[in-house]
Amino acid sequence: QAEVLKADMTDSKLGPAEAWTSRQALQDLYQKMLVTDLEYALDKKVEQDLWNHAFKNQITTLQGQAKNRSNPNRSEVQANLSLFLEAASGFYTQLATEIRPARLSPTIDMQLSLSPPMCVCLRRLKSFFLNCSSDEVKTQWGVCDFIKAFIKFHGHVYLSKNLEKLNPLREKLEEQFKRLLFQKTFNSQQLVHITVINLFQLHHLRDFSNETEQHSYSQDEQLCWTQLLALFMSFLGILCKCPLQNDYQEESWSSYPLPALKVSMDWLKLRPSVFQETVVDERQYIWPWLISLLNSFQPHEEDLSCPNGKATPLSTGLWEILLN
């Protein structure tokens, strides 16, 4: 199975989505082998294959693209590299945790420490994550600074560590997100990516498969959920407010926030119980901004083709797109 998956990952005929699916399947397969039979897996050098094919090759590729100063998508590649490294850090942290409870053997730590690829991988990823976790000293960020802090926030949530840093970091992210968005520093695709990452993490924290069931959550889980939902809602408010105060001409449509706003509203429509959350109720100011945004759209003269000669406000159609 592993050989087939490795071949798929190097198949030039497959797109990025298919390669990503194969990489995830390979991670799951090797993780299962390491947890269930560590001695056999180490004997077969599974940890080397895991590092080389699931992580190292992709990291090397992204690093090369990020170093290419002539690459027009360099900033996006750097963001993807940071996200990939953060995901790798989470994977290996979880893997090490699963191996120890599975074995409860005094030799397990020695086996892990004597495995050079595993050891080097963990050291590099730990170093990266600790670097991301260092306190920010800049008062104003660029996009890369924002992405680094954004990854740091999600790293704390995903690993459920240093949660006391979530609230001040969230406030800083909200402040800088507003400033960067009003300066049209983000493009529309980056805004969608940021939104989707928030939604993915929210989905990871809460099971919405049956909203009628009662669920119990630990104090840390509740804190992570509250802080992340607050971040998402604050970003939603900024996405609504920005177009009202910024003049988006045709040349700046690539930075338009409406696609990210549409994704956000689609998720809220599917999760009506979220409106009962305190952090949502505390942000009632968002909805007048959303209404004003929708009412601000007016049709061009050439679009006024109603048979009775009366114009139908464009906002009606936008309401249907956003809320139906």
Protein backbone atom coordinates (compact mmCIF):
# COMPACT_ATOMS: atom_id res chain seq x y z
CA GLN A 1 0.00 0.00 0.00
CA ALA A 2 2.81 2.39 0.89
CA GLU A 3 4.59 1.83 -2.44
CA VAL A 4 1.41 2.59 -4.37
CA LEU A 5 0.83 5.77 -2.38
CA LYS A 6 4.44 6.92 -2.86
CA ALA A 7 4.10 6.34 -6.60
CA ASP A 8 0.90 8.40 -6.67
CA MET A 9 2.64 11.30 -4.92
CA THR A 10 5.31 11.48 -7.62
CA ASP A 11 2.92 10.99 -10.53
CA SER A 12 3.05 14.18 -12.60
CA LYS A 13 -0.37 13.40 -14.07
CA LEU A 14 -2.06 13.85 -10.70
CA GLY A 15 -3.07 17.26 -9.43
CA PRO A 16 -2.19 18.82 -6.05
CA ALA A 17 -5.42 17.57 -4.46
CA GLU A 18 -4.75 13.94 -5.41
CA ALA A 19 -1.13 14.18 -4.25
CA TRP A 20 -2.28 15.66 -0.94
CA THR A 21 -4.78 12.82 -0.47
CA SER A 22 -2.07 10.22 -1.11
CA ARG A 23 0.28 11.97 1.33
CA GLN A 24 -2.37 11.95 4.05
CA ALA A 25 -3.08 8.26 3.42
CA LEU A 26 0.65 7.48 3.66
CA GLN A 27 0.90 9.36 6.95
CA ASP A 28 -2.07 7.42 8.35
CA LEU A 29 -0.62 4.08 7.19
CA TYR A 30 2.85 4.67 8.64
CA GLN A 31 1.40 6.13 11.84
CA LYS A 32 -0.63 2.96 12.35
CA MET A 33 2.46 0.79 11.78
CA LEU A 34 4.58 2.76 14.26
CA VAL A 35 1.89 2.69 16.94
CA THR A 36 0.92 -0.99 16.60
CA ASP A 37 4.34 -2.60 16.07
CA LEU A 38 7.19 -0.20 16.73
CA GLU A 39 10.03 -2.77 16.58
CA TYR A 40 8.92 -4.05 13.18
CA ALA A 41 8.38 -0.52 11.88
CA LEU A 42 11.83 0.63 13.00
CA ASP A 43 13.41 -2.50 11.55
CA LYS A 44 11.79 -1.67 8.19
CA LYS A 45 12.89 1.97 8.51
CA VAL A 46 9.29 3.15 8.35
CA GLU A 47 10.16 6.36 10.22
CA GLN A 48 12.69 7.26 7.49
CA ASP A 49 10.15 6.66 4.74
CA LEU A 50 7.56 8.66 6.66
CA TRP A 51 9.88 11.66 7.03
CA ASN A 52 11.27 11.54 3.47
CA HIS A 53 8.08 10.95 1.50
CA ALA A 54 5.37 12.54 3.65
CA PHE A 55 7.30 15.60 4.80
CA LYS A 56 10.90 16.20 3.70
CA ASN A 57 10.29 16.12 -0.07
CA GLN A 58 7.39 18.55 0.16
CA ILE A 59 9.29 20.86 2.52
CA THR A 60 12.31 20.88 0.18
CA THR A 61 10.09 21.69 -2.80
CA LEU A 62 8.34 24.56 -1.03
CA GLN A 63 11.62 25.93 0.33
CA GLY A 64 13.06 26.03 -3.18
CA GLN A 65 10.01 27.88 -4.50
CA ALA A 66 10.08 30.31 -1.56
CA LYS A 67 13.76 31.15 -2.16
CA ASN A 68 13.12 31.96 -5.81
CA ARG A 69 12.89 35.76 -5.79
CA SER A 70 11.48 35.79 -9.32
CA ASN A 71 8.51 33.64 -8.26
CA PRO A 72 5.40 35.89 -8.40
CA ASN A 73 3.66 33.62 -5.87
CA ARG A 74 6.55 33.68 -3.42
CA SER A 75 4.57 35.08 -0.47
CA GLU A 76 1.82 32.48 -0.97
CA VAL A 77 4.42 29.69 -1.13
CA GLN A 78 5.98 30.95 2.12
CA ALA A 79 2.55 30.87 3.74
CA ASN A 80 1.95 27.33 2.48
CA LEU A 81 5.36 26.26 3.78
CA SER A 82 4.60 27.67 7.22
CA LEU A 83 1.23 25.93 7.32
CA PHE A 84 2.77 22.63 6.18
CA LEU A 85 5.47 22.81 8.85
CA GLU A 86 2.90 23.59 11.53
CA ALA A 87 0.82 20.59 10.42
CA ALA A 88 3.95 18.39 10.48
CA SER A 89 4.76 19.59 13.99
CA GLY A 90 1.28 18.66 15.16
CA PHE A 91 1.51 15.25 13.44
CA TYR A 92 4.78 14.26 15.11
CA THR A 93 3.71 15.56 18.51
CA GLN A 94 0.55 13.47 18.28
CA LEU A 95 2.48 10.45 16.97
CA ALA A 96 4.96 10.52 19.87
CA THR A 97 2.06 10.80 22.34
CA GLU A 98 0.21 7.86 20.78
CA ILE A 99 3.29 5.62 20.73
CA ARG A 100 4.00 6.09 24.44
CA PRO A 101 0.48 5.15 25.75
CA ALA A 102 0.32 2.31 23.23
CA ARG A 103 3.53 0.73 24.46
CA LEU A 104 4.14 1.95 28.03
CA SER A 105 7.58 0.39 27.71
CA PRO A 106 10.80 1.69 29.36
CA THR A 107 12.64 1.14 26.08
CA ILE A 108 10.26 3.22 23.98
CA ASP A 109 11.95 6.57 24.61
CA MET A 110 15.36 5.02 23.87
CA GLN A 111 14.09 3.55 20.62
CA LEU A 112 12.71 6.90 19.56
CA SER A 113 15.85 8.77 20.55
CA LEU A 114 18.08 6.30 18.71
CA SER A 115 16.15 6.75 15.48
CA PRO A 116 18.08 9.58 13.70
CA PRO A 117 15.43 10.58 11.12
CA MET A 118 12.71 10.72 13.78
CA CYS A 119 14.97 12.63 16.15
CA VAL A 120 16.17 15.13 13.55
CA CYS A 121 12.61 15.63 12.28
CA LEU A 122 11.26 16.31 15.75
CA ARG A 123 14.12 18.70 16.57
CA ARG A 124 13.62 20.70 13.38
CA LEU A 125 9.87 20.92 13.76
CA LYS A 126 10.12 21.75 17.46
CA SER A 127 12.60 24.50 16.65
CA PHE A 128 10.27 25.89 14.01
CA PHE A 129 7.26 25.84 16.28
CA LEU A 130 9.14 27.40 19.20
CA ASN A 131 10.31 30.11 16.81
CA CYS A 132 6.71 30.75 15.83
CA SER A 133 5.77 30.83 19.51
CA SER A 134 8.24 33.57 20.41
CA ASP A 135 6.72 36.88 21.46
CA GLU A 136 6.09 39.32 18.66
CA VAL A 137 7.85 42.67 19.04
CA LYS A 138 6.63 44.40 15.89
CA THR A 139 3.82 46.90 16.29
CA GLN A 140 2.78 46.61 12.64
CA TRP A 141 2.94 43.42 10.64
CA GLY A 142 3.23 42.53 7.00
CA VAL A 143 1.35 39.57 5.54
CA CYS A 144 4.12 37.12 6.50
CA ASP A 145 4.15 38.44 10.07
CA PHE A 146 0.39 38.01 10.25
CA ILE A 147 0.53 34.46 8.88
CA LYS A 148 3.23 33.51 11.36
CA ALA A 149 1.12 34.80 14.28
CA PHE A 150 -2.00 33.18 12.79
CA ILE A 151 -0.17 29.82 12.70
CA LYS A 152 1.03 30.39 16.26
CA PHE A 153 -2.58 30.93 17.40
CA HIS A 154 -3.77 27.75 15.68
CA GLY A 155 -0.76 25.85 17.02
CA HIS A 156 -1.78 26.73 20.58
CA VAL A 157 -5.36 25.64 19.86
CA TYR A 158 -4.45 22.43 18.05
CA LEU A 159 -1.88 21.32 20.65
CA SER A 160 -3.91 22.79 23.55
CA LYS A 161 -0.76 24.34 25.04
CA ASN A 162 0.06 27.79 26.46
CA LEU A 163 -3.62 28.68 26.26
CA GLU A 164 -3.09 31.76 28.42
CA LYS A 165 -1.53 33.35 25.33
CA LEU A 166 -4.64 32.92 23.18
CA ASN A 167 -6.57 36.02 24.26
CA PRO A 168 -3.78 38.63 23.77
CA LEU A 169 -2.72 36.96 20.54
CA ARG A 170 -6.31 36.96 19.25
CA GLU A 171 -6.66 40.66 20.01
CA LYS A 172 -3.42 41.40 18.15
CA LEU A 173 -4.54 39.32 15.17
CA GLU A 174 -7.86 41.19 15.01
CA GLU A 175 -6.07 44.53 15.13
CA GLN A 176 -3.58 43.67 12.40
CA PHE A 177 -6.16 41.88 10.23
CA LYS A 178 -8.24 45.06 10.13
CA ARG A 179 -5.24 47.23 9.28
CA LEU A 180 -3.95 44.89 6.54
CA LEU A 181 -7.40 44.39 5.04
CA PHE A 182 -8.09 48.12 4.84
CA GLN A 183 -4.72 48.55 3.13
CA LYS A 184 -5.77 45.89 0.59
CA THR A 185 -2.67 43.88 1.47
CA PHE A 186 -4.43 40.51 1.33
CA ASN A 187 -5.75 39.08 -1.92
CA SER A 188 -9.14 37.38 -2.09
CA GLN A 189 -7.62 33.90 -2.15
CA GLN A 190 -5.61 34.53 1.02
CA LEU A 191 -8.73 35.79 2.77
CA VAL A 192 -10.60 32.62 1.78
CA HIS A 193 -7.68 30.49 3.02
CA ILE A 194 -7.65 32.27 6.38
CA THR A 195 -11.41 31.81 6.71
CA VAL A 196 -11.32 28.13 5.77
CA ILE A 197 -8.51 27.39 8.24
CA ASN A 198 -10.59 28.98 11.03
CA LEU A 199 -13.64 26.98 10.01
CA PHE A 200 -11.68 23.73 9.77
CA GLN A 201 -10.36 24.22 13.30
CA LEU A 202 -13.83 25.09 14.61
CA HIS A 203 -15.17 21.92 13.01
CA HIS A 204 -12.31 19.98 14.62
CA LEU A 205 -13.21 21.34 18.07
CA ARG A 206 -16.95 20.69 17.94
CA ASP A 207 -19.07 17.81 16.67
CA PHE A 208 -22.01 19.28 14.73
CA SER A 209 -23.27 15.93 13.42
CA ASN A 210 -26.13 16.02 15.91
CA GLU A 211 -26.75 19.42 17.45
CA THR A 212 -29.66 18.10 19.56
CA GLU A 213 -27.34 15.94 21.67
CA GLN A 214 -25.73 17.29 24.82
CA HIS A 215 -21.93 17.34 24.77
CA SER A 216 -19.50 17.89 27.62
CA TYR A 217 -16.20 19.67 27.05
CA SER A 218 -13.18 20.22 29.23
CA GLN A 219 -12.22 23.70 30.40
CA ASP A 220 -9.35 23.83 27.89
CA GLU A 221 -11.59 22.67 25.03
CA GLN A 222 -14.16 25.31 25.89
CA LEU A 223 -11.47 28.00 26.07
CA CYS A 224 -10.06 27.04 22.65
CA TRP A 225 -13.54 27.01 21.12
CA THR A 226 -14.48 30.39 22.59
CA GLN A 227 -11.25 32.11 21.53
CA LEU A 228 -11.34 30.69 18.00
CA LEU A 229 -15.02 31.48 17.49
CA ALA A 230 -14.37 35.02 18.74
CA LEU A 231 -11.54 35.36 16.20
CA PHE A 232 -13.75 34.08 13.39
CA MET A 233 -16.61 36.44 14.27
CA SER A 234 -14.29 39.44 14.59
CA PHE A 235 -12.79 38.66 11.18
CA LEU A 236 -16.33 38.36 9.80
CA GLY A 237 -17.19 41.83 11.10
CA ILE A 238 -14.06 43.30 9.53
CA LEU A 239 -14.88 41.59 6.22
CA CYS A 240 -18.30 43.26 6.32
CA LYS A 241 -17.05 46.70 7.33
CA CYS A 242 -14.07 47.00 5.01
CA PRO A 243 -15.98 47.27 1.68
CA LEU A 244 -18.18 49.99 3.20
CA GLN A 245 -15.17 52.22 3.86
CA ASN A 246 -12.87 51.17 1.03
CA ASP A 247 -13.41 52.02 -2.62
CA TYR A 248 -12.75 48.88 -4.65
CA GLN A 249 -12.12 49.77 -8.27
CA GLU A 250 -11.73 47.17 -11.00
CA GLU A 251 -7.94 47.03 -10.55
CA SER A 252 -8.35 46.09 -6.86
CA TRP A 253 -11.00 43.40 -7.30
CA SER A 254 -8.35 40.75 -6.62
CA SER A 255 -8.33 41.88 -2.97
CA TYR A 256 -12.13 41.95 -2.61
CA PRO A 257 -13.29 40.32 0.67
CA LEU A 258 -16.70 39.12 -0.53
CA PRO A 259 -15.65 35.52 -1.37
CA ALA A 260 -14.39 35.01 2.19
CA LEU A 261 -17.58 36.62 3.50
CA LYS A 262 -19.68 34.21 1.41
CA VAL A 263 -17.80 31.19 2.82
CA SER A 264 -18.32 32.50 6.36
CA MET A 265 -22.05 33.01 5.87
CA ASP A 266 -22.45 29.55 4.33
CA TRP A 267 -20.91 28.01 7.44
CA LEU A 268 -23.11 30.03 9.80
CA LYS A 269 -26.19 28.97 7.88
CA LEU A 270 -25.28 25.31 8.47
CA ARG A 271 -24.50 25.89 12.17
CA PRO A 272 -27.50 27.82 13.58
CA SER A 273 -26.64 26.80 17.16
CA VAL A 274 -23.54 29.03 16.94
CA PHE A 275 -25.81 32.08 17.25
CA GLN A 276 -26.52 31.03 20.85
CA GLU A 277 -22.86 31.40 21.79
CA THR A 278 -21.96 34.35 24.01
CA VAL A 279 -19.08 35.53 21.79
CA VAL A 280 -21.51 35.77 18.87
CA ASP A 281 -24.13 37.59 20.90
CA GLU A 282 -21.47 40.08 22.03
CA ARG A 283 -20.80 41.02 18.40
CA GLN A 284 -24.25 42.21 17.36
CA TYR A 285 -22.56 45.18 15.67
CA ILE A 286 -21.67 42.87 12.76
CA TRP A 287 -25.19 42.53 11.40
CA PRO A 288 -25.86 46.24 10.69
CA TRP A 289 -22.57 46.29 8.79
CA LEU A 290 -23.67 43.25 6.78
CA ILE A 291 -27.03 44.85 6.00
CA SER A 292 -25.38 48.13 5.00
CA LEU A 293 -22.97 46.25 2.75
CA LEU A 294 -25.79 44.44 0.97
CA ASN A 295 -27.82 47.62 0.60
CA SER A 296 -24.81 49.48 -0.79
CA PHE A 297 -24.82 47.55 -4.04
CA GLN A 298 -26.68 49.23 -6.87
CA PRO A 299 -27.20 47.93 -10.40
CA HIS A 300 -25.71 49.59 -13.46
CA GLU A 301 -28.10 51.27 -15.87
CA GLU A 302 -27.61 48.58 -18.47
CA ASP A 303 -28.67 45.98 -15.89
CA LEU A 304 -32.07 47.59 -15.33
CA SER A 305 -34.12 45.35 -17.54
CA CYS A 306 -37.26 44.87 -15.45
CA PRO A 307 -40.37 44.73 -17.67
CA ASN A 308 -42.28 47.17 -15.44
CA GLY A 309 -39.41 49.65 -15.56
CA LYS A 310 -38.76 49.45 -11.84
CA ALA A 311 -35.29 48.60 -10.62
CA THR A 312 -34.89 45.62 -8.32
CA PRO A 313 -32.16 46.37 -5.78
CA LEU A 314 -29.11 44.24 -6.32
CA SER A 315 -29.00 43.62 -2.60
CA THR A 316 -32.00 41.30 -2.97
CA GLY A 317 -29.96 38.95 -5.10
CA LEU A 318 -26.99 39.21 -2.79
CA TRP A 319 -29.16 38.35 0.20
CA GLU A 320 -30.21 35.20 -1.65
CA ILE A 321 -26.59 34.34 -2.48
CA LEU A 322 -25.32 34.93 1.05
CA LEU A 323 -28.18 33.58 3.14
CA ASN A 324 -30.09 31.07 1.01
